[in-house]
Amino acid sequence: MRMTKISSTMLSVGTLLRRAEDTGAVVRVLVQGTWLDGRVLGCDGLGAVLDDGNGSQSLVRLDSVVAVTFSRAQMEDPDAARAHGGAANGPIEAGPVTVPPQSRGERTFLSPAPY
């Protein structure tokens, strides 16, 4: 059995789902005891959209995902479709995530920066 060397010490559900989105790989996510299958159409810091290929899509909160499974061969296939025009096939990298503190009763919504 060949092990993949990962240079990062911190992996997250979001990191793996973003990598699957970039490579077009099919994933399975475990949410509240139910496995959901599909390709990741989009993933941000709060959730991901999975398309099952049969006309159904699921929005999954990242903090509800217990496990993610995927095919390493699909992630590393140089001929696989790329959702964003092609990401490198290097190791999965992750870093710290910073969330701004909330005041009492305040809910912070993250949105993309204006262009």
PDB file of N, CA and C in Angstrom:
ATOM      1  N   MET A   1       0.847  -1.177   0.000  1.00  0.00           N
ATOM      2  CA  MET A   1       0.000   0.000   0.000  1.00  0.00           C
ATOM      3  C   MET A   1       0.890   1.236   0.000  1.00  0.00           C
ATOM      4  N   ARG A   2       0.679   2.108  -0.956  1.00  0.00           N
ATOM      5  CA  ARG A   2       1.455   3.328  -1.062  1.00  0.00           C
ATOM      6  C   ARG A   2       0.727   4.453  -0.330  1.00  0.00           C
ATOM      7  N   MET A   3       1.429   5.142   0.529  1.00  0.00           N
ATOM      8  CA  MET A   3       0.834   6.249   1.269  1.00  0.00           C
ATOM      9  C   MET A   3       1.190   7.557   0.572  1.00  0.00           C
ATOM     10  N   THR A   4       0.257   8.462   0.517  1.00  0.00           N
ATOM     11  CA  THR A   4       0.498   9.770  -0.064  1.00  0.00           C
ATOM     12  C   THR A   4       1.103  10.669   1.001  1.00  0.00           C
ATOM     13  N   LYS A   5       2.199  11.326   0.654  1.00  0.00           N
ATOM     14  CA  LYS A   5       2.831  12.245   1.593  1.00  0.00           C
ATOM     15  C   LYS A   5       2.072  13.566   1.557  1.00  0.00           C
ATOM     16  N   ILE A   6       1.653  14.007   2.709  1.00  0.00           N
ATOM     17  CA  ILE A   6       0.954  15.275   2.826  1.00  0.00           C
ATOM     18  C   ILE A   6       1.808  16.181   3.690  1.00  0.00           C
ATOM     19  N   SER A   7       2.152  17.356   3.145  1.00  0.00           N
ATOM     20  CA  SER A   7       3.074  18.229   3.849  1.00  0.00           C
ATOM     21  C   SER A   7       2.399  19.101   4.896  1.00  0.00           C
ATOM     22  N   SER A   8       1.084  19.100   4.944  1.00  0.00           N
ATOM     23  CA  SER A   8       0.379  19.923   5.903  1.00  0.00           C
ATOM     24  C   SER A   8       0.027  19.111   7.143  1.00  0.00           C
ATOM     25  N   THR A   9       0.029  19.771   8.279  1.00  0.00           N
ATOM     26  CA  THR A   9      -0.341  19.083   9.509  1.00  0.00           C
ATOM     27  C   THR A   9      -1.817  19.274   9.831  1.00  0.00           C
ATOM     28  N   MET A  10      -2.483  20.157   9.110  1.00  0.00           N
ATOM     29  CA  MET A  10      -3.890  20.423   9.392  1.00  0.00           C
ATOM     30  C   MET A  10      -4.716  20.221   8.126  1.00  0.00           C
ATOM     31  N   LEU A  11      -5.593  19.255   8.158  1.00  0.00           N
ATOM     32  CA  LEU A  11      -6.527  19.040   7.057  1.00  0.00           C
ATOM     33  C   LEU A  11      -7.926  19.292   7.575  1.00  0.00           C
ATOM     34  N   SER A  12      -8.770  19.778   6.712  1.00  0.00           N
ATOM     35  CA  SER A  12     -10.145  20.022   7.129  1.00  0.00           C
ATOM     36  C   SER A  12     -11.099  19.481   6.080  1.00  0.00           C
ATOM     37  N   VAL A  13     -12.346  19.332   6.468  1.00  0.00           N
ATOM     38  CA  VAL A  13     -13.390  18.904   5.544  1.00  0.00           C
ATOM     39  C   VAL A  13     -13.455  19.883   4.373  1.00  0.00           C
ATOM     40  N   GLY A  14     -13.416  21.166   4.667  1.00  0.00           N
ATOM     41  CA  GLY A  14     -13.483  22.178   3.616  1.00  0.00           C
ATOM     42  C   GLY A  14     -12.328  22.084   2.637  1.00  0.00           C
ATOM     43  N   THR A  15     -11.122  21.816   3.148  1.00  0.00           N
ATOM     44  CA  THR A  15      -9.952  21.680   2.282  1.00  0.00           C
ATOM     45  C   THR A  15     -10.136  20.528   1.309  1.00  0.00           C
ATOM     46  N   LEU A  16     -10.589  19.393   1.816  1.00  0.00           N
ATOM     47  CA  LEU A  16     -10.788  18.233   0.947  1.00  0.00           C
ATOM     48  C   LEU A  16     -11.897  18.481  -0.070  1.00  0.00           C
ATOM     49  N   LEU A  17     -12.975  19.121   0.342  1.00  0.00           N
ATOM     50  CA  LEU A  17     -14.069  19.383  -0.591  1.00  0.00           C
ATOM     51  C   LEU A  17     -13.674  20.410  -1.650  1.00  0.00           C
ATOM     52  N   ARG A  18     -12.880  21.404  -1.281  1.00  0.00           N
ATOM     53  CA  ARG A  18     -12.396  22.361  -2.281  1.00  0.00           C
ATOM     54  C   ARG A  18     -11.462  21.677  -3.273  1.00  0.00           C
ATOM     55  N   ARG A  19     -10.637  20.765  -2.790  1.00  0.00           N
ATOM     56  CA  ARG A  19      -9.753  20.008  -3.684  1.00  0.00           C
ATOM     57  C   ARG A  19     -10.581  19.143  -4.636  1.00  0.00           C
ATOM     58  N   ALA A  20     -11.627  18.511  -4.133  1.00  0.00           N
ATOM     59  CA  ALA A  20     -12.510  17.710  -4.986  1.00  0.00           C
ATOM     60  C   ALA A  20     -13.215  18.597  -6.012  1.00  0.00           C
ATOM     61  N   GLU A  21     -13.596  19.795  -5.604  1.00  0.00           N
ATOM     62  CA  GLU A  21     -14.221  20.736  -6.543  1.00  0.00           C
ATOM     63  C   GLU A  21     -13.242  21.081  -7.661  1.00  0.00           C
ATOM     64  N   ASP A  22     -12.011  21.367  -7.308  1.00  0.00           N
ATOM     65  CA  ASP A  22     -10.995  21.732  -8.299  1.00  0.00           C
ATOM     66  C   ASP A  22     -10.681  20.602  -9.269  1.00  0.00           C
ATOM     67  N   THR A  23     -10.719  19.368  -8.800  1.00  0.00           N
ATOM     68  CA  THR A  23     -10.350  18.231  -9.643  1.00  0.00           C
ATOM     69  C   THR A  23     -11.541  17.551 -10.299  1.00  0.00           C
ATOM     70  N   GLY A  24     -12.751  17.875  -9.872  1.00  0.00           N
ATOM     71  CA  GLY A  24     -13.936  17.232 -10.428  1.00  0.00           C
ATOM     72  C   GLY A  24     -14.183  15.834  -9.889  1.00  0.00           C
ATOM     73  N   ALA A  25     -13.515  15.465  -8.799  1.00  0.00           N
ATOM     74  CA  ALA A  25     -13.651  14.120  -8.227  1.00  0.00           C
ATOM     75  C   ALA A  25     -15.002  13.952  -7.526  1.00  0.00           C
ATOM     76  N   VAL A  26     -15.522  12.737  -7.584  1.00  0.00           N
ATOM     77  CA  VAL A  26     -16.749  12.396  -6.858  1.00  0.00           C
ATOM     78  C   VAL A  26     -16.386  12.154  -5.396  1.00  0.00           C
ATOM     79  N   VAL A  27     -17.197  12.661  -4.484  1.00  0.00           N
ATOM     80  CA  VAL A  27     -16.964  12.468  -3.050  1.00  0.00           C
ATOM     81  C   VAL A  27     -18.189  11.837  -2.409  1.00  0.00           C
ATOM     82  N   ARG A  28     -17.975  11.279  -1.219  1.00  0.00           N
ATOM     83  CA  ARG A  28     -19.059  10.826  -0.346  1.00  0.00           C
ATOM     84  C   ARG A  28     -18.852  11.561   0.965  1.00  0.00           C
ATOM     85  N   VAL A  29     -19.906  12.192   1.471  1.00  0.00           N
ATOM     86  CA  VAL A  29     -19.818  12.879   2.757  1.00  0.00           C
ATOM     87  C   VAL A  29     -20.828  12.260   3.714  1.00  0.00           C
ATOM     88  N   LEU A  30     -20.421  12.110   4.958  1.00  0.00           N
ATOM     89  CA  LEU A  30     -21.280  11.549   5.996  1.00  0.00           C
ATOM     90  C   LEU A  30     -21.870  12.693   6.813  1.00  0.00           C
ATOM     91  N   VAL A  31     -23.197  12.825   6.732  1.00  0.00           N
ATOM     92  CA  VAL A  31     -23.907  13.891   7.434  1.00  0.00           C
ATOM     93  C   VAL A  31     -25.033  13.262   8.245  1.00  0.00           C
ATOM     94  N   GLN A  32     -24.967  13.389   9.560  1.00  0.00           N
ATOM     95  CA  GLN A  32     -25.989  12.868  10.471  1.00  0.00           C
ATOM     96  C   GLN A  32     -26.363  11.424  10.148  1.00  0.00           C
ATOM     97  N   GLY A  33     -25.348  10.591   9.945  1.00  0.00           N
ATOM     98  CA  GLY A  33     -25.555   9.165   9.722  1.00  0.00           C
ATOM     99  C   GLY A  33     -25.938   8.775   8.310  1.00  0.00           C
ATOM    100  N   THR A  34     -26.006   9.733   7.397  1.00  0.00           N
ATOM    101  CA  THR A  34     -26.379   9.456   6.007  1.00  0.00           C
ATOM    102  C   THR A  34     -25.239   9.839   5.074  1.00  0.00           C
ATOM    103  N   TRP A  35     -24.894   8.919   4.154  1.00  0.00           N
ATOM    104  CA  TRP A  35     -23.861   9.202   3.156  1.00  0.00           C
ATOM    105  C   TRP A  35     -24.505   9.878   1.956  1.00  0.00           C
ATOM    106  N   LEU A  36     -23.939  10.992   1.518  1.00  0.00           N
ATOM    107  CA  LEU A  36     -24.365  11.693   0.308  1.00  0.00           C
ATOM    108  C   LEU A  36     -23.232  11.612  -0.704  1.00  0.00           C
ATOM    109  N   ASP A  37     -23.560  11.293  -1.963  1.00  0.00           N
ATOM    110  CA  ASP A  37     -22.559  11.166  -3.022  1.00  0.00           C
ATOM    111  C   ASP A  37     -22.736  12.283  -4.036  1.00  0.00           C
ATOM    112  N   GLY A  38     -21.630  12.713  -4.641  1.00  0.00           N
ATOM    113  CA  GLY A  38     -21.737  13.670  -5.739  1.00  0.00           C
ATOM    114  C   GLY A  38     -20.454  14.410  -6.003  1.00  0.00           C
ATOM    115  N   ARG A  39     -20.520  15.250  -7.021  1.00  0.00           N
ATOM    116  CA  ARG A  39     -19.411  16.147  -7.356  1.00  0.00           C
ATOM    117  C   ARG A  39     -19.671  17.485  -6.671  1.00  0.00           C
ATOM    118  N   VAL A  40     -18.610  18.097  -6.187  1.00  0.00           N
ATOM    119  CA  VAL A  40     -18.727  19.378  -5.495  1.00  0.00           C
ATOM    120  C   VAL A  40     -18.845  20.485  -6.542  1.00  0.00           C
ATOM    121  N   LEU A  41     -19.970  21.199  -6.524  1.00  0.00           N
ATOM    122  CA  LEU A  41     -20.172  22.313  -7.449  1.00  0.00           C
ATOM    123  C   LEU A  41     -19.626  23.608  -6.884  1.00  0.00           C
ATOM    124  N   GLY A  42     -19.639  23.730  -5.570  1.00  0.00           N
ATOM    125  CA  GLY A  42     -19.152  24.930  -4.921  1.00  0.00           C
ATOM    126  C   GLY A  42     -18.914  24.654  -3.454  1.00  0.00           C
ATOM    127  N   CYS A  43     -17.932  25.358  -2.903  1.00  0.00           N
ATOM    128  CA  CYS A  43     -17.597  25.161  -1.492  1.00  0.00           C
ATOM    129  C   CYS A  43     -17.019  26.457  -0.954  1.00  0.00           C
ATOM    130  N   ASP A  44     -17.585  26.946   0.138  1.00  0.00           N
ATOM    131  CA  ASP A  44     -17.032  28.118   0.805  1.00  0.00           C
ATOM    132  C   ASP A  44     -16.717  27.737   2.243  1.00  0.00           C
ATOM    133  N   GLY A  45     -16.517  28.683   3.096  1.00  0.00           N
ATOM    134  CA  GLY A  45     -16.154  28.384   4.465  1.00  0.00           C
ATOM    135  C   GLY A  45     -17.275  27.825   5.316  1.00  0.00           C
ATOM    136  N   LEU A  46     -18.502  27.847   4.806  1.00  0.00           N
ATOM    137  CA  LEU A  46     -19.645  27.404   5.594  1.00  0.00           C
ATOM    138  C   LEU A  46     -20.315  26.149   5.060  1.00  0.00           C
ATOM    139  N   GLY A  47     -20.299  25.948   3.749  1.00  0.00           N
ATOM    140  CA  GLY A  47     -21.009  24.809   3.186  1.00  0.00           C
ATOM    141  C   GLY A  47     -20.513  24.431   1.814  1.00  0.00           C
ATOM    142  N   ALA A  48     -21.099  23.349   1.288  1.00  0.00           N
ATOM    143  CA  ALA A  48     -20.752  22.853  -0.041  1.00  0.00           C
ATOM    144  C   ALA A  48     -22.024  22.380  -0.734  1.00  0.00           C
ATOM    145  N   VAL A  49     -22.037  22.496  -2.053  1.00  0.00           N
ATOM    146  CA  VAL A  49     -23.143  21.994  -2.861  1.00  0.00           C
ATOM    147  C   VAL A  49     -22.656  20.757  -3.600  1.00  0.00           C
ATOM    148  N   LEU A  50     -23.370  19.634  -3.399  1.00  0.00           N
ATOM    149  CA  LEU A  50     -23.050  18.375  -4.081  1.00  0.00           C
ATOM    150  C   LEU A  50     -24.107  18.100  -5.142  1.00  0.00           C
ATOM    151  N   ASP A  51     -23.655  17.674  -6.328  1.00  0.00           N
ATOM    152  CA  ASP A  51     -24.558  17.275  -7.410  1.00  0.00           C
ATOM    153  C   ASP A  51     -24.416  15.778  -7.596  1.00  0.00           C
ATOM    154  N   ASP A  52     -25.528  15.036  -7.466  1.00  0.00           N
ATOM    155  CA  ASP A  52     -25.452  13.575  -7.543  1.00  0.00           C
ATOM    156  C   ASP A  52     -25.439  13.036  -8.973  1.00  0.00           C
ATOM    157  N   GLY A  53     -25.544  13.916  -9.973  1.00  0.00           N
ATOM    158  CA  GLY A  53     -25.516  13.478 -11.359  1.00  0.00           C
ATOM    159  C   GLY A  53     -26.852  12.977 -11.864  1.00  0.00           C
ATOM    160  N   ASN A  54     -27.855  12.933 -10.995  1.00  0.00           N
ATOM    161  CA  ASN A  54     -29.194  12.460 -11.370  1.00  0.00           C
ATOM    162  C   ASN A  54     -30.247  13.551 -11.220  1.00  0.00           C
ATOM    163  N   GLY A  55     -29.799  14.800 -11.223  1.00  0.00           N
ATOM    164  CA  GLY A  55     -30.741  15.908 -11.120  1.00  0.00           C
ATOM    165  C   GLY A  55     -30.976  16.430  -9.721  1.00  0.00           C
ATOM    166  N   SER A  56     -30.339  15.842  -8.717  1.00  0.00           N
ATOM    167  CA  SER A  56     -30.511  16.314  -7.339  1.00  0.00           C
ATOM    168  C   SER A  56     -29.227  16.956  -6.839  1.00  0.00           C
ATOM    169  N   GLN A  57     -29.403  18.022  -6.080  1.00  0.00           N
ATOM    170  CA  GLN A  57     -28.274  18.691  -5.448  1.00  0.00           C
ATOM    171  C   GLN A  57     -28.551  18.813  -3.960  1.00  0.00           C
ATOM    172  N   SER A  58     -27.475  18.804  -3.185  1.00  0.00           N
ATOM    173  CA  SER A  58     -27.588  18.928  -1.728  1.00  0.00           C
ATOM    174  C   SER A  58     -26.676  20.041  -1.248  1.00  0.00           C
ATOM    175  N   LEU A  59     -27.182  20.864  -0.356  1.00  0.00           N
ATOM    176  CA  LEU A  59     -26.370  21.862   0.324  1.00  0.00           C
ATOM    177  C   LEU A  59     -26.019  21.293   1.686  1.00  0.00           C
ATOM    178  N   VAL A  60     -24.735  21.196   1.974  1.00  0.00           N
ATOM    179  CA  VAL A  60     -24.261  20.559   3.201  1.00  0.00           C
ATOM    180  C   VAL A  60     -23.462  21.572   4.016  1.00  0.00           C
ATOM    181  N   ARG A  61     -23.805  21.718   5.277  1.00  0.00           N
ATOM    182  CA  ARG A  61     -23.009  22.575   6.172  1.00  0.00           C
ATOM    183  C   ARG A  61     -21.723  21.848   6.528  1.00  0.00           C
ATOM    184  N   LEU A  62     -20.591  22.523   6.394  1.00  0.00           N
ATOM    185  CA  LEU A  62     -19.310  21.874   6.665  1.00  0.00           C
ATOM    186  C   LEU A  62     -19.202  21.398   8.105  1.00  0.00           C
ATOM    187  N   ASP A  63     -19.799  22.126   9.051  1.00  0.00           N
ATOM    188  CA  ASP A  63     -19.693  21.708  10.449  1.00  0.00           C
ATOM    189  C   ASP A  63     -20.561  20.490  10.764  1.00  0.00           C
ATOM    190  N   SER A  64     -21.393  20.046   9.806  1.00  0.00           N
ATOM    191  CA  SER A  64     -22.207  18.841   9.987  1.00  0.00           C
ATOM    192  C   SER A  64     -21.586  17.605   9.355  1.00  0.00           C
ATOM    193  N   VAL A  65     -20.519  17.787   8.579  1.00  0.00           N
ATOM    194  CA  VAL A  65     -19.873  16.662   7.898  1.00  0.00           C
ATOM    195  C   VAL A  65     -18.937  15.958   8.870  1.00  0.00           C
ATOM    196  N   VAL A  66     -19.140  14.650   9.042  1.00  0.00           N
ATOM    197  CA  VAL A  66     -18.323  13.852   9.952  1.00  0.00           C
ATOM    198  C   VAL A  66     -17.141  13.231   9.221  1.00  0.00           C
ATOM    199  N   ALA A  67     -17.344  12.839   7.952  1.00  0.00           N
ATOM    200  CA  ALA A  67     -16.284  12.184   7.180  1.00  0.00           C
ATOM    201  C   ALA A  67     -16.465  12.478   5.695  1.00  0.00           C
ATOM    202  N   VAL A  68     -15.347  12.429   4.969  1.00  0.00           N
ATOM    203  CA  VAL A  68     -15.346  12.588   3.516  1.00  0.00           C
ATOM    204  C   VAL A  68     -14.531  11.450   2.931  1.00  0.00           C
ATOM    205  N   THR A  69     -15.068  10.772   1.920  1.00  0.00           N
ATOM    206  CA  THR A  69     -14.285   9.771   1.200  1.00  0.00           C
ATOM    207  C   THR A  69     -14.231  10.185  -0.264  1.00  0.00           C
ATOM    208  N   PHE A  70     -13.137   9.794  -0.925  1.00  0.00           N
ATOM    209  CA  PHE A  70     -12.945  10.134  -2.327  1.00  0.00           C
ATOM    210  C   PHE A  70     -11.943   9.175  -2.934  1.00  0.00           C
ATOM    211  N   SER A  71     -11.892   9.150  -4.254  1.00  0.00           N
ATOM    212  CA  SER A  71     -10.938   8.315  -4.969  1.00  0.00           C
ATOM    213  C   SER A  71      -9.661   9.112  -5.195  1.00  0.00           C
ATOM    214  N   ARG A  72      -8.558   8.635  -4.650  1.00  0.00           N
ATOM    215  CA  ARG A  72      -7.285   9.316  -4.860  1.00  0.00           C
ATOM    216  C   ARG A  72      -6.934   9.348  -6.340  1.00  0.00           C
ATOM    217  N   ALA A  73      -7.291   8.289  -7.066  1.00  0.00           N
ATOM    218  CA  ALA A  73      -7.007   8.237  -8.501  1.00  0.00           C
ATOM    219  C   ALA A  73      -7.712   9.382  -9.230  1.00  0.00           C
ATOM    220  N   GLN A  74      -8.961   9.685  -8.846  1.00  0.00           N
ATOM    221  CA  GLN A  74      -9.666  10.804  -9.477  1.00  0.00           C
ATOM    222  C   GLN A  74      -9.020  12.133  -9.123  1.00  0.00           C
ATOM    223  N   MET A  75      -8.554  12.262  -7.895  1.00  0.00           N
ATOM    224  CA  MET A  75      -7.919  13.510  -7.471  1.00  0.00           C
ATOM    225  C   MET A  75      -6.600  13.743  -8.203  1.00  0.00           C
ATOM    226  N   GLU A  76      -5.899  12.659  -8.528  1.00  0.00           N
ATOM    227  CA  GLU A  76      -4.575  12.783  -9.133  1.00  0.00           C
ATOM    228  C   GLU A  76      -4.576  12.584 -10.642  1.00  0.00           C
ATOM    229  N   ASP A  77      -5.742  12.272 -11.251  1.00  0.00           N
ATOM    230  CA  ASP A  77      -5.825  12.018 -12.686  1.00  0.00           C
ATOM    231  C   ASP A  77      -5.556  13.306 -13.459  1.00  0.00           C
ATOM    232  N   PRO A  78      -4.461  13.351 -14.253  1.00  0.00           N
ATOM    233  CA  PRO A  78      -4.134  14.580 -14.980  1.00  0.00           C
ATOM    234  C   PRO A  78      -5.132  14.900 -16.085  1.00  0.00           C
ATOM    235  N   ASP A  79      -5.918  13.912 -16.533  1.00  0.00           N
ATOM    236  CA  ASP A  79      -6.885  14.135 -17.604  1.00  0.00           C
ATOM    237  C   ASP A  79      -8.287  14.420 -17.083  1.00  0.00           C
ATOM    238  N   ALA A  80      -8.458  14.431 -15.767  1.00  0.00           N
ATOM    239  CA  ALA A  80      -9.789  14.651 -15.184  1.00  0.00           C
ATOM    240  C   ALA A  80     -10.245  16.085 -15.435  1.00  0.00           C
ATOM    241  N   ALA A  81     -11.555  16.262 -15.490  1.00  0.00           N
ATOM    242  CA  ALA A  81     -12.116  17.598 -15.682  1.00  0.00           C
ATOM    243  C   ALA A  81     -11.775  18.468 -14.485  1.00  0.00           C
ATOM    244  N   ARG A  82     -11.495  19.722 -14.750  1.00  0.00           N
ATOM    245  CA  ARG A  82     -11.176  20.666 -13.691  1.00  0.00           C
ATOM    246  C   ARG A  82     -12.273  21.721 -13.620  1.00  0.00           C
ATOM    247  N   ALA A  83     -12.848  21.889 -12.462  1.00  0.00           N
ATOM    248  CA  ALA A  83     -13.942  22.843 -12.295  1.00  0.00           C
ATOM    249  C   ALA A  83     -13.492  24.282 -12.520  1.00  0.00           C
ATOM    250  N   HIS A  84     -12.241  24.602 -12.215  1.00  0.00           N
ATOM    251  CA  HIS A  84     -11.753  25.975 -12.308  1.00  0.00           C
ATOM    252  C   HIS A  84     -10.603  26.103 -13.289  1.00  0.00           C
ATOM    253  N   GLY A  85     -10.587  25.286 -14.314  1.00  0.00           N
ATOM    254  CA  GLY A  85      -9.560  25.416 -15.334  1.00  0.00           C
ATOM    255  C   GLY A  85      -8.262  24.732 -14.999  1.00  0.00           C
ATOM    256  N   GLY A  86      -8.189  23.998 -13.934  1.00  0.00           N
ATOM    257  CA  GLY A  86      -7.000  23.201 -13.665  1.00  0.00           C
ATOM    258  C   GLY A  86      -6.222  23.650 -12.454  1.00  0.00           C
ATOM    259  N   ALA A  87      -6.216  22.839 -11.463  1.00  0.00           N
ATOM    260  CA  ALA A  87      -5.408  23.083 -10.271  1.00  0.00           C
ATOM    261  C   ALA A  87      -4.237  22.124 -10.302  1.00  0.00           C
ATOM    262  N   ALA A  88      -3.178  22.498  -9.658  1.00  0.00           N
ATOM    263  CA  ALA A  88      -2.008  21.628  -9.599  1.00  0.00           C
ATOM    264  C   ALA A  88      -2.350  20.352  -8.844  1.00  0.00           C
ATOM    265  N   ASN A  89      -1.633  19.292  -9.147  1.00  0.00           N
ATOM    266  CA  ASN A  89      -1.873  18.017  -8.477  1.00  0.00           C
ATOM    267  C   ASN A  89      -0.959  17.816  -7.282  1.00  0.00           C
ATOM    268  N   GLY A  90      -0.431  18.877  -6.720  1.00  0.00           N
ATOM    269  CA  GLY A  90       0.462  18.759  -5.580  1.00  0.00           C
ATOM    270  C   GLY A  90      -0.289  18.338  -4.332  1.00  0.00           C
ATOM    271  N   PRO A  91       0.397  18.294  -3.209  1.00  0.00           N
ATOM    272  CA  PRO A  91      -0.241  17.867  -1.964  1.00  0.00           C
ATOM    273  C   PRO A  91      -1.322  18.850  -1.534  1.00  0.00           C
ATOM    274  N   ILE A  92      -2.271  18.338  -0.781  1.00  0.00           N
ATOM    275  CA  ILE A  92      -3.324  19.188  -0.239  1.00  0.00           C
ATOM    276  C   ILE A  92      -2.705  20.047   0.855  1.00  0.00           C
ATOM    277  N   GLU A  93      -2.861  21.338   0.742  1.00  0.00           N
ATOM    278  CA  GLU A  93      -2.306  22.260   1.726  1.00  0.00           C
ATOM    279  C   GLU A  93      -3.445  22.892   2.516  1.00  0.00           C
ATOM    280  N   ALA A  94      -3.202  23.153   3.759  1.00  0.00           N
ATOM    281  CA  ALA A  94      -4.206  23.807   4.592  1.00  0.00           C
ATOM    282  C   ALA A  94      -3.511  24.738   5.561  1.00  0.00           C
ATOM    283  N   GLY A  95      -4.225  25.711   6.010  1.00  0.00           N
ATOM    284  CA  GLY A  95      -3.665  26.646   6.968  1.00  0.00           C
ATOM    285  C   GLY A  95      -4.723  27.022   7.983  1.00  0.00           C
ATOM    286  N   PRO A  96      -4.391  27.917   8.888  1.00  0.00           N
ATOM    287  CA  PRO A  96      -5.349  28.298   9.918  1.00  0.00           C
ATOM    288  C   PRO A  96      -6.529  29.062   9.324  1.00  0.00           C
ATOM    289  N   VAL A  97      -7.670  28.915   9.941  1.00  0.00           N
ATOM    290  CA  VAL A  97      -8.869  29.625   9.523  1.00  0.00           C
ATOM    291  C   VAL A  97      -9.206  30.627  10.609  1.00  0.00           C
ATOM    292  N   THR A  98      -9.382  31.880  10.223  1.00  0.00           N
ATOM    293  CA  THR A  98      -9.695  32.931  11.183  1.00  0.00           C
ATOM    294  C   THR A  98     -11.119  33.409  10.951  1.00  0.00           C
ATOM    295  N   VAL A  99     -11.918  33.375  11.991  1.00  0.00           N
ATOM    296  CA  VAL A  99     -13.294  33.860  11.928  1.00  0.00           C
ATOM    297  C   VAL A  99     -13.388  35.046  12.869  1.00  0.00           C
ATOM    298  N   PRO A 100     -13.927  36.172  12.384  1.00  0.00           N
ATOM    299  CA  PRO A 100     -14.013  37.344  13.257  1.00  0.00           C
ATOM    300  C   PRO A 100     -14.910  37.082  14.464  1.00  0.00           C
ATOM    301  N   PRO A 101     -14.551  37.640  15.618  1.00  0.00           N
ATOM    302  CA  PRO A 101     -15.381  37.448  16.813  1.00  0.00           C
ATOM    303  C   PRO A 101     -16.740  38.125  16.633  1.00  0.00           C
ATOM    304  N   GLN A 102     -17.752  37.561  17.262  1.00  0.00           N
ATOM    305  CA  GLN A 102     -19.100  38.113  17.172  1.00  0.00           C
ATOM    306  C   GLN A 102     -19.468  38.797  18.476  1.00  0.00           C
ATOM    307  N   SER A 103     -20.176  39.905  18.344  1.00  0.00           N
ATOM    308  CA  SER A 103     -20.712  40.573  19.526  1.00  0.00           C
ATOM    309  C   SER A 103     -21.963  39.839  19.957  1.00  0.00           C
ATOM    310  N   ARG A 104     -22.381  40.074  21.160  1.00  0.00           N
ATOM    311  CA  ARG A 104     -23.577  39.410  21.682  1.00  0.00           C
ATOM    312  C   ARG A 104     -24.777  39.697  20.779  1.00  0.00           C
ATOM    313  N   GLY A 105     -25.426  38.633  20.310  1.00  0.00           N
ATOM    314  CA  GLY A 105     -26.595  38.770  19.457  1.00  0.00           C
ATOM    315  C   GLY A 105     -26.290  39.062  17.999  1.00  0.00           C
ATOM    316  N   GLU A 106     -25.016  39.221  17.655  1.00  0.00           N
ATOM    317  CA  GLU A 106     -24.645  39.532  16.275  1.00  0.00           C
ATOM    318  C   GLU A 106     -24.343  38.256  15.509  1.00  0.00           C
ATOM    319  N   ARG A 107     -24.737  38.207  14.253  1.00  0.00           N
ATOM    320  CA  ARG A 107     -24.411  37.079  13.385  1.00  0.00           C
ATOM    321  C   ARG A 107     -23.579  37.621  12.236  1.00  0.00           C
ATOM    322  N   THR A 108     -22.409  37.068  12.059  1.00  0.00           N
ATOM    323  CA  THR A 108     -21.528  37.506  10.991  1.00  0.00           C
ATOM    324  C   THR A 108     -21.751  36.658   9.757  1.00  0.00           C
ATOM    325  N   PHE A 109     -21.953  37.296   8.632  1.00  0.00           N
ATOM    326  CA  PHE A 109     -22.088  36.592   7.364  1.00  0.00           C
ATOM    327  C   PHE A 109     -20.854  36.892   6.534  1.00  0.00           C
ATOM    328  N   LEU A 110     -20.200  35.848   6.064  1.00  0.00           N
ATOM    329  CA  LEU A 110     -19.023  36.019   5.235  1.00  0.00           C
ATOM    330  C   LEU A 110     -19.459  36.151   3.786  1.00  0.00           C
ATOM    331  N   SER A 111     -18.888  37.107   3.095  1.00  0.00           N
ATOM    332  CA  SER A 111     -19.210  37.289   1.682  1.00  0.00           C
ATOM    333  C   SER A 111     -17.923  37.622   0.944  1.00  0.00           C
ATOM    334  N   PRO A 112     -17.904  37.390  -0.375  1.00  0.00           N
ATOM    335  CA  PRO A 112     -16.697  37.683  -1.125  1.00  0.00           C
ATOM    336  C   PRO A 112     -16.418  39.177  -1.135  1.00  0.00           C
ATOM    337  N   ALA A 113     -15.157  39.514  -1.282  1.00  0.00           N
ATOM    338  CA  ALA A 113     -14.766  40.912  -1.342  1.00  0.00           C
ATOM    339  C   ALA A 113     -15.317  41.539  -2.619  1.00  0.00           C
ATOM    340  N   PRO A 114     -15.705  42.802  -2.577  1.00  0.00           N
ATOM    341  CA  PRO A 114     -16.198  43.459  -3.796  1.00  0.00           C
ATOM    342  C   PRO A 114     -15.067  43.603  -4.806  1.00  0.00           C
ATOM    343  N   TYR A 115     -15.411  43.534  -6.056  1.00  0.00           N
ATOM    344  CA  TYR A 115     -14.391  43.633  -7.111  1.00  0.00           C
ATOM    345  C   TYR A 115     -14.464  44.948  -7.819  1.00  0.00           C
TER     346      TYR A 115
END
